[in-house]
Each structure stands twice: as structure tokens, then as C-alpha cells.
Amino acid sequence: VGVAGFLGFSFLVSNIPLAIGTIFGERLYYTPSFGIACIVVWVASRIERPLHVMLPVGIWLAISGSVILDRNGAWESEESLMLRESAAQPRGLRNRDHYAKYLIKHGKTDEAAAVWQGVLKLDPWFVSSLSNYGSFLAANKRGDEAEKMFLESLKIPLFRRPMRHITHLNLATLYTTTQR
């Protein structure tokens, strides 16, 4: 049960069997912690002197508790979570893309543009950022740049652009607004 709870659920949320598109996948790892707890209880019940097991288990619980307390601060607000995760994982493209959209929502357009440019520097084929940044450019009367970005996005191999329908919609919207 412990192994199935940990490894089975971990596989399902790993984006390997199907793309689930979460930005903060660690939320999904609360269920596998049940698997780890089952394994610890099973090991403790198999040893004749559980006292020898309890010290390492107690240390492990203390360390886990400190991680929980540390991580709880990050969940205070959407902004604190975005800021912390962006700093902790500077190459986390999906998180940075969502962070840029968060910045747009709060009127920080220059910062958002810089974040999207950074994402596209790390991965020029990151379709979500191409689409979102292109939409941002179109909304800011930079239609030629937006069109170029959307068209580049459509050249990306199919396996890298699961959201191509959004790119087509953005391009159609751009053409409609510019009467082309």
C-alpha cells in the first residue's frame, strides 16, 4: 500500500502518462506522503525494538515539520508564492510564465515583459510564453511583433505545442482587430 501510494501516485502526477499542466506540482505530492507514512509504520512494526527506530523517525519528523513550517510562509498569498517559486526555480518556465501574467494583472507591464523575454531566452519554443507575450504585445499596439511571435509559435514541432489552438485564436483575434 505504501509503495503503491507513493510511486503510483507520483507516476500519475509526473506529466509522463498525460500532461496535466499544473504549475505547482508539489501540491499533488501530499497524497504520496500517505505512502511514506505507511512504509514507516510497516518498518517500525517489523523491528523487535521499535525504540531504535523511533529516534531516526523522530528526527525525520522534525525535519519534515521544519520544511512544512518553512513552506507555509510561501502559501500566504498568490504573490508570495509566485515570488518565492520564481526565486527558488529561476529556470521553471511554466511558473515564470504564470508570474508574468500575475504581473500584468497588477499593472507591472515592464516587469512582465522582462519575465517573458527571460523565459523565451531560456526556451524559444516555450509556446505558452510565446502566446501570452504575443497577446501582451498585441494589446499594447505592437501587432507586427505579436504576429511574428504567433507565426513562429506555429512553426514549432507539434509535440512541443499542445496549446496550438490558443495560438490560432490569438492570431485570428489579432487579424480581426487589425482588420486583416
C-alpha atoms as a PDB file:
ATOM      1  CA  VAL A   1       0.000   0.000   0.000  1.00  0.00           C
ATOM      2  CA  GLY A   2       2.838   2.376   0.914  1.00  0.00           C
ATOM      3  CA  VAL A   3       4.794   1.754  -2.275  1.00  0.00           C
ATOM      4  CA  ALA A   4       1.648   1.968  -4.410  1.00  0.00           C
ATOM      5  CA  GLY A   5       0.593   5.158  -2.628  1.00  0.00           C
ATOM      6  CA  PHE A   6       3.951   6.811  -3.163  1.00  0.00           C
ATOM      7  CA  LEU A   7       5.184   5.538  -6.515  1.00  0.00           C
ATOM      8  CA  GLY A   8       1.781   5.018  -8.115  1.00  0.00           C
ATOM      9  CA  PHE A   9       0.512   8.486  -7.377  1.00  0.00           C
ATOM     10  CA  SER A  10       3.885  10.044  -8.163  1.00  0.00           C
ATOM     11  CA  PHE A  11       3.780   8.495 -11.621  1.00  0.00           C
ATOM     12  CA  LEU A  12       0.248   9.740 -12.287  1.00  0.00           C
ATOM     13  CA  VAL A  13       1.132  13.350 -11.447  1.00  0.00           C
ATOM     14  CA  SER A  14       4.504  13.324 -13.182  1.00  0.00           C
ATOM     15  CA  ASN A  15       3.180  14.603 -16.552  1.00  0.00           C
ATOM     16  CA  ILE A  16       4.521  11.395 -18.126  1.00  0.00           C
ATOM     17  CA  PRO A  17       1.274   9.472 -18.730  1.00  0.00           C
ATOM     18  CA  LEU A  18      -0.558  12.677 -19.711  1.00  0.00           C
ATOM     19  CA  ALA A  19       0.119  16.400 -19.492  1.00  0.00           C
ATOM     20  CA  ILE A  20      -1.812  17.721 -16.505  1.00  0.00           C
ATOM     21  CA  GLY A  21      -0.363  21.215 -16.741  1.00  0.00           C
ATOM     22  CA  THR A  22      -0.081  22.115 -13.080  1.00  0.00           C
ATOM     23  CA  ILE A  23       2.281  24.907 -12.125  1.00  0.00           C
ATOM     24  CA  PHE A  24       2.829  23.892  -8.512  1.00  0.00           C
ATOM     25  CA  GLY A  25       3.024  20.131  -8.698  1.00  0.00           C
ATOM     26  CA  GLU A  26       4.213  19.744  -5.122  1.00  0.00           C
ATOM     27  CA  ARG A  27       0.590  20.219  -4.046  1.00  0.00           C
ATOM     28  CA  LEU A  28      -0.100  16.846  -5.627  1.00  0.00           C
ATOM     29  CA  TYR A  29       2.571  15.193  -3.508  1.00  0.00           C
ATOM     30  CA  TYR A  30       0.531  15.397  -0.313  1.00  0.00           C
ATOM     31  CA  THR A  31      -1.146  12.100  -1.217  1.00  0.00           C
ATOM     32  CA  PRO A  32       2.127  10.155  -1.646  1.00  0.00           C
ATOM     33  CA  SER A  33       3.146  11.263   1.845  1.00  0.00           C
ATOM     34  CA  PHE A  34       0.472   8.787   2.951  1.00  0.00           C
ATOM     35  CA  GLY A  35       2.541   6.109   1.206  1.00  0.00           C
ATOM     36  CA  ILE A  36       5.683   7.159   3.073  1.00  0.00           C
ATOM     37  CA  ALA A  37       3.779   7.092   6.372  1.00  0.00           C
ATOM     38  CA  CYS A  38       2.576   3.541   5.607  1.00  0.00           C
ATOM     39  CA  ILE A  39       6.136   2.422   4.859  1.00  0.00           C
ATOM     40  CA  VAL A  40       7.453   3.940   8.124  1.00  0.00           C
ATOM     41  CA  VAL A  41       4.734   2.229  10.168  1.00  0.00           C
ATOM     42  CA  TRP A  42       5.376  -1.081   8.422  1.00  0.00           C
ATOM     43  CA  VAL A  43       9.135  -0.881   9.078  1.00  0.00           C
ATOM     44  CA  ALA A  44       8.572   0.116  12.719  1.00  0.00           C
ATOM     45  CA  SER A  45       6.205  -2.817  13.240  1.00  0.00           C
ATOM     46  CA  ARG A  46       8.739  -5.320  11.829  1.00  0.00           C
ATOM     47  CA  ILE A  47      11.604  -4.414  14.164  1.00  0.00           C
ATOM     48  CA  GLU A  48      11.676  -6.068  17.580  1.00  0.00           C
ATOM     49  CA  ARG A  49      12.877  -2.942  19.358  1.00  0.00           C
ATOM     50  CA  PRO A  50      10.917  -0.042  17.920  1.00  0.00           C
ATOM     51  CA  LEU A  51      12.828   2.324  20.233  1.00  0.00           C
ATOM     52  CA  HIS A  52      15.815   2.064  17.868  1.00  0.00           C
ATOM     53  CA  VAL A  53      13.535   3.034  15.035  1.00  0.00           C
ATOM     54  CA  MET A  54      11.819   5.863  16.868  1.00  0.00           C
ATOM     55  CA  LEU A  55      14.919   8.070  17.097  1.00  0.00           C
ATOM     56  CA  PRO A  56      15.516   8.224  13.320  1.00  0.00           C
ATOM     57  CA  VAL A  57      11.758   8.505  12.743  1.00  0.00           C
ATOM     58  CA  GLY A  58      11.591  11.358  15.270  1.00  0.00           C
ATOM     59  CA  ILE A  59      14.481  13.150  13.546  1.00  0.00           C
ATOM     60  CA  TRP A  60      12.812  12.619  10.181  1.00  0.00           C
ATOM     61  CA  LEU A  61       9.527  14.009  11.528  1.00  0.00           C
ATOM     62  CA  ALA A  62      11.303  17.057  12.991  1.00  0.00           C
ATOM     63  CA  ILE A  63      12.997  17.782   9.664  1.00  0.00           C
ATOM     64  CA  SER A  64       9.706  17.278   7.797  1.00  0.00           C
ATOM     65  CA  GLY A  65       7.953  19.589  10.255  1.00  0.00           C
ATOM     66  CA  SER A  66      10.537  22.320   9.731  1.00  0.00           C
ATOM     67  CA  VAL A  67      10.099  22.030   5.953  1.00  0.00           C
ATOM     68  CA  ILE A  68       6.319  22.323   6.382  1.00  0.00           C
ATOM     69  CA  LEU A  69       6.670  25.415   8.563  1.00  0.00           C
ATOM     70  CA  ASP A  70       9.106  26.954   6.092  1.00  0.00           C
ATOM     71  CA  ARG A  71       6.847  26.227   3.096  1.00  0.00           C
ATOM     72  CA  ASN A  72       3.690  27.516   4.801  1.00  0.00           C
ATOM     73  CA  GLY A  73       5.029  31.070   4.551  1.00  0.00           C
ATOM     74  CA  ALA A  74       5.176  30.748   0.784  1.00  0.00           C
ATOM     75  CA  TRP A  75       1.448  29.965   0.635  1.00  0.00           C
ATOM     76  CA  GLU A  76       0.461  33.216   2.362  1.00  0.00           C
ATOM     77  CA  SER A  77      -0.724  34.777  -0.888  1.00  0.00           C
ATOM     78  CA  GLU A  78      -0.532  34.257  -4.621  1.00  0.00           C
ATOM     79  CA  GLU A  79       2.149  36.929  -4.820  1.00  0.00           C
ATOM     80  CA  SER A  80       4.348  35.429  -2.093  1.00  0.00           C
ATOM     81  CA  LEU A  81       4.099  32.023  -3.746  1.00  0.00           C
ATOM     82  CA  MET A  82       4.982  33.385  -7.186  1.00  0.00           C
ATOM     83  CA  LEU A  83       7.885  35.433  -5.851  1.00  0.00           C
ATOM     84  CA  ARG A  84       9.307  32.578  -3.818  1.00  0.00           C
ATOM     85  CA  GLU A  85       8.986  29.961  -6.527  1.00  0.00           C
ATOM     86  CA  SER A  86      10.396  32.258  -9.199  1.00  0.00           C
ATOM     87  CA  ALA A  87      13.427  32.947  -6.991  1.00  0.00           C
ATOM     88  CA  ALA A  88      13.823  29.286  -5.988  1.00  0.00           C
ATOM     89  CA  GLN A  89      13.419  27.946  -9.524  1.00  0.00           C
ATOM     90  CA  PRO A  90      14.707  30.547 -11.981  1.00  0.00           C
ATOM     91  CA  ARG A  91      14.543  28.034 -14.810  1.00  0.00           C
ATOM     92  CA  GLY A  92      10.945  26.999 -14.023  1.00  0.00           C
ATOM     93  CA  LEU A  93       9.392  28.174 -17.271  1.00  0.00           C
ATOM     94  CA  ARG A  94       5.739  27.476 -16.532  1.00  0.00           C
ATOM     95  CA  ASN A  95       5.950  29.210 -13.155  1.00  0.00           C
ATOM     96  CA  ARG A  96       7.674  32.240 -14.671  1.00  0.00           C
ATOM     97  CA  ASP A  97       5.048  32.401 -17.428  1.00  0.00           C
ATOM     98  CA  HIS A  98       2.283  32.462 -14.798  1.00  0.00           C
ATOM     99  CA  TYR A  99       4.248  35.002 -12.799  1.00  0.00           C
ATOM    100  CA  ALA A 100       4.365  37.304 -15.840  1.00  0.00           C
ATOM    101  CA  LYS A 101       0.574  37.019 -16.197  1.00  0.00           C
ATOM    102  CA  TYR A 102       0.286  37.840 -12.489  1.00  0.00           C
ATOM    103  CA  LEU A 103       2.431  40.948 -13.019  1.00  0.00           C
ATOM    104  CA  ILE A 104       0.214  42.047 -15.925  1.00  0.00           C
ATOM    105  CA  LYS A 105      -2.847  41.682 -13.708  1.00  0.00           C
ATOM    106  CA  HIS A 106      -1.196  44.040 -11.211  1.00  0.00           C
ATOM    107  CA  GLY A 107      -0.144  46.649 -13.785  1.00  0.00           C
ATOM    108  CA  LYS A 108       3.566  45.811 -13.820  1.00  0.00           C
ATOM    109  CA  THR A 109       3.841  45.527 -17.586  1.00  0.00           C
ATOM    110  CA  ASP A 110       7.565  46.247 -17.973  1.00  0.00           C
ATOM    111  CA  GLU A 111       8.437  43.590 -15.398  1.00  0.00           C
ATOM    112  CA  ALA A 112       6.106  41.106 -17.081  1.00  0.00           C
ATOM    113  CA  ALA A 113       7.688  41.735 -20.489  1.00  0.00           C
ATOM    114  CA  ALA A 114      11.148  41.162 -18.975  1.00  0.00           C
ATOM    115  CA  VAL A 115       9.999  37.871 -17.414  1.00  0.00           C
ATOM    116  CA  TRP A 116       8.576  36.633 -20.729  1.00  0.00           C
ATOM    117  CA  GLN A 117      11.746  37.662 -22.559  1.00  0.00           C
ATOM    118  CA  GLY A 118      13.768  35.733 -19.979  1.00  0.00           C
ATOM    119  CA  VAL A 119      11.599  32.645 -20.449  1.00  0.00           C
ATOM    120  CA  LEU A 120      11.951  32.823 -24.217  1.00  0.00           C
ATOM    121  CA  LYS A 121      15.702  33.256 -23.875  1.00  0.00           C
ATOM    122  CA  LEU A 122      15.804  30.007 -21.870  1.00  0.00           C
ATOM    123  CA  ASP A 123      13.445  28.196 -24.263  1.00  0.00           C
ATOM    124  CA  PRO A 124      12.481  29.934 -27.527  1.00  0.00           C
ATOM    125  CA  TRP A 125       9.948  27.138 -28.122  1.00  0.00           C
ATOM    126  CA  PHE A 126       8.004  27.605 -24.899  1.00  0.00           C
ATOM    127  CA  VAL A 127       4.627  28.024 -26.582  1.00  0.00           C
ATOM    128  CA  SER A 128       2.692  29.275 -23.568  1.00  0.00           C
ATOM    129  CA  SER A 129       5.027  32.247 -23.165  1.00  0.00           C
ATOM    130  CA  LEU A 130       5.099  32.872 -26.908  1.00  0.00           C
ATOM    131  CA  SER A 131       1.325  33.012 -26.906  1.00  0.00           C
ATOM    132  CA  ASN A 132       0.967  35.074 -23.731  1.00  0.00           C
ATOM    133  CA  TYR A 133       3.736  37.505 -24.624  1.00  0.00           C
ATOM    134  CA  GLY A 134       2.335  37.808 -28.138  1.00  0.00           C
ATOM    135  CA  SER A 135      -1.099  38.643 -26.698  1.00  0.00           C
ATOM    136  CA  PHE A 136       0.541  41.228 -24.449  1.00  0.00           C
ATOM    137  CA  LEU A 137       2.283  42.801 -27.461  1.00  0.00           C
ATOM    138  CA  ALA A 138      -0.952  42.823 -29.466  1.00  0.00           C
ATOM    139  CA  ALA A 139      -2.815  44.515 -26.607  1.00  0.00           C
ATOM    140  CA  ASN A 140      -0.084  47.172 -26.496  1.00  0.00           C
ATOM    141  CA  LYS A 141      -0.413  48.068 -30.195  1.00  0.00           C
ATOM    142  CA  ARG A 142       2.655  46.107 -31.240  1.00  0.00           C
ATOM    143  CA  GLY A 143       0.772  43.916 -33.694  1.00  0.00           C
ATOM    144  CA  ASP A 144       3.674  43.225 -36.060  1.00  0.00           C
ATOM    145  CA  GLU A 145       5.788  41.810 -33.223  1.00  0.00           C
ATOM    146  CA  ALA A 146       2.810  39.827 -31.944  1.00  0.00           C
ATOM    147  CA  GLU A 147       2.085  38.379 -35.385  1.00  0.00           C
ATOM    148  CA  LYS A 148       5.723  37.350 -35.798  1.00  0.00           C
ATOM    149  CA  MET A 149       5.624  35.655 -32.393  1.00  0.00           C
ATOM    150  CA  PHE A 150       2.384  33.775 -33.160  1.00  0.00           C
ATOM    151  CA  LEU A 151       3.656  32.634 -36.563  1.00  0.00           C
ATOM    152  CA  GLU A 152       6.947  31.461 -35.025  1.00  0.00           C
ATOM    153  CA  SER A 153       4.949  29.534 -32.459  1.00  0.00           C
ATOM    154  CA  LEU A 154       3.050  27.716 -35.203  1.00  0.00           C
ATOM    155  CA  LYS A 155       6.363  26.535 -36.755  1.00  0.00           C
ATOM    156  CA  ILE A 156       7.309  24.681 -33.592  1.00  0.00           C
ATOM    157  CA  PRO A 157       7.028  20.882 -33.887  1.00  0.00           C
ATOM    158  CA  LEU A 158       3.611  19.588 -32.882  1.00  0.00           C
ATOM    159  CA  PHE A 159       4.793  17.701 -29.776  1.00  0.00           C
ATOM    160  CA  ARG A 160       6.077  20.980 -28.275  1.00  0.00           C
ATOM    161  CA  ARG A 161       2.911  22.997 -28.814  1.00  0.00           C
ATOM    162  CA  PRO A 162      -0.081  21.316 -27.210  1.00  0.00           C
ATOM    163  CA  MET A 163      -1.855  24.685 -26.952  1.00  0.00           C
ATOM    164  CA  ARG A 164      -1.667  25.491 -30.680  1.00  0.00           C
ATOM    165  CA  HIS A 165      -5.406  26.186 -30.762  1.00  0.00           C
ATOM    166  CA  ILE A 166      -4.798  29.138 -28.410  1.00  0.00           C
ATOM    167  CA  THR A 167      -2.099  30.436 -30.759  1.00  0.00           C
ATOM    168  CA  HIS A 168      -4.529  30.172 -33.700  1.00  0.00           C
ATOM    169  CA  LEU A 169      -7.166  32.019 -31.668  1.00  0.00           C
ATOM    170  CA  ASN A 170      -4.709  34.759 -30.686  1.00  0.00           C
ATOM    171  CA  LEU A 171      -3.585  35.162 -34.286  1.00  0.00           C
ATOM    172  CA  ALA A 172      -7.199  35.305 -35.506  1.00  0.00           C
ATOM    173  CA  THR A 173      -8.011  37.894 -32.829  1.00  0.00           C
ATOM    174  CA  LEU A 174      -5.015  39.973 -33.904  1.00  0.00           C
ATOM    175  CA  TYR A 175      -6.094  39.813 -37.556  1.00  0.00           C
ATOM    176  CA  THR A 176      -9.658  40.727 -36.601  1.00  0.00           C
ATOM    177  CA  THR A 177      -8.600  43.723 -34.518  1.00  0.00           C
ATOM    178  CA  THR A 178      -6.257  44.990 -37.207  1.00  0.00           C
ATOM    179  CA  GLN A 179      -8.893  44.295 -39.897  1.00  0.00           C
ATOM    180  CA  ARG A 180      -6.722  41.904 -41.865  1.00  0.00           C
END
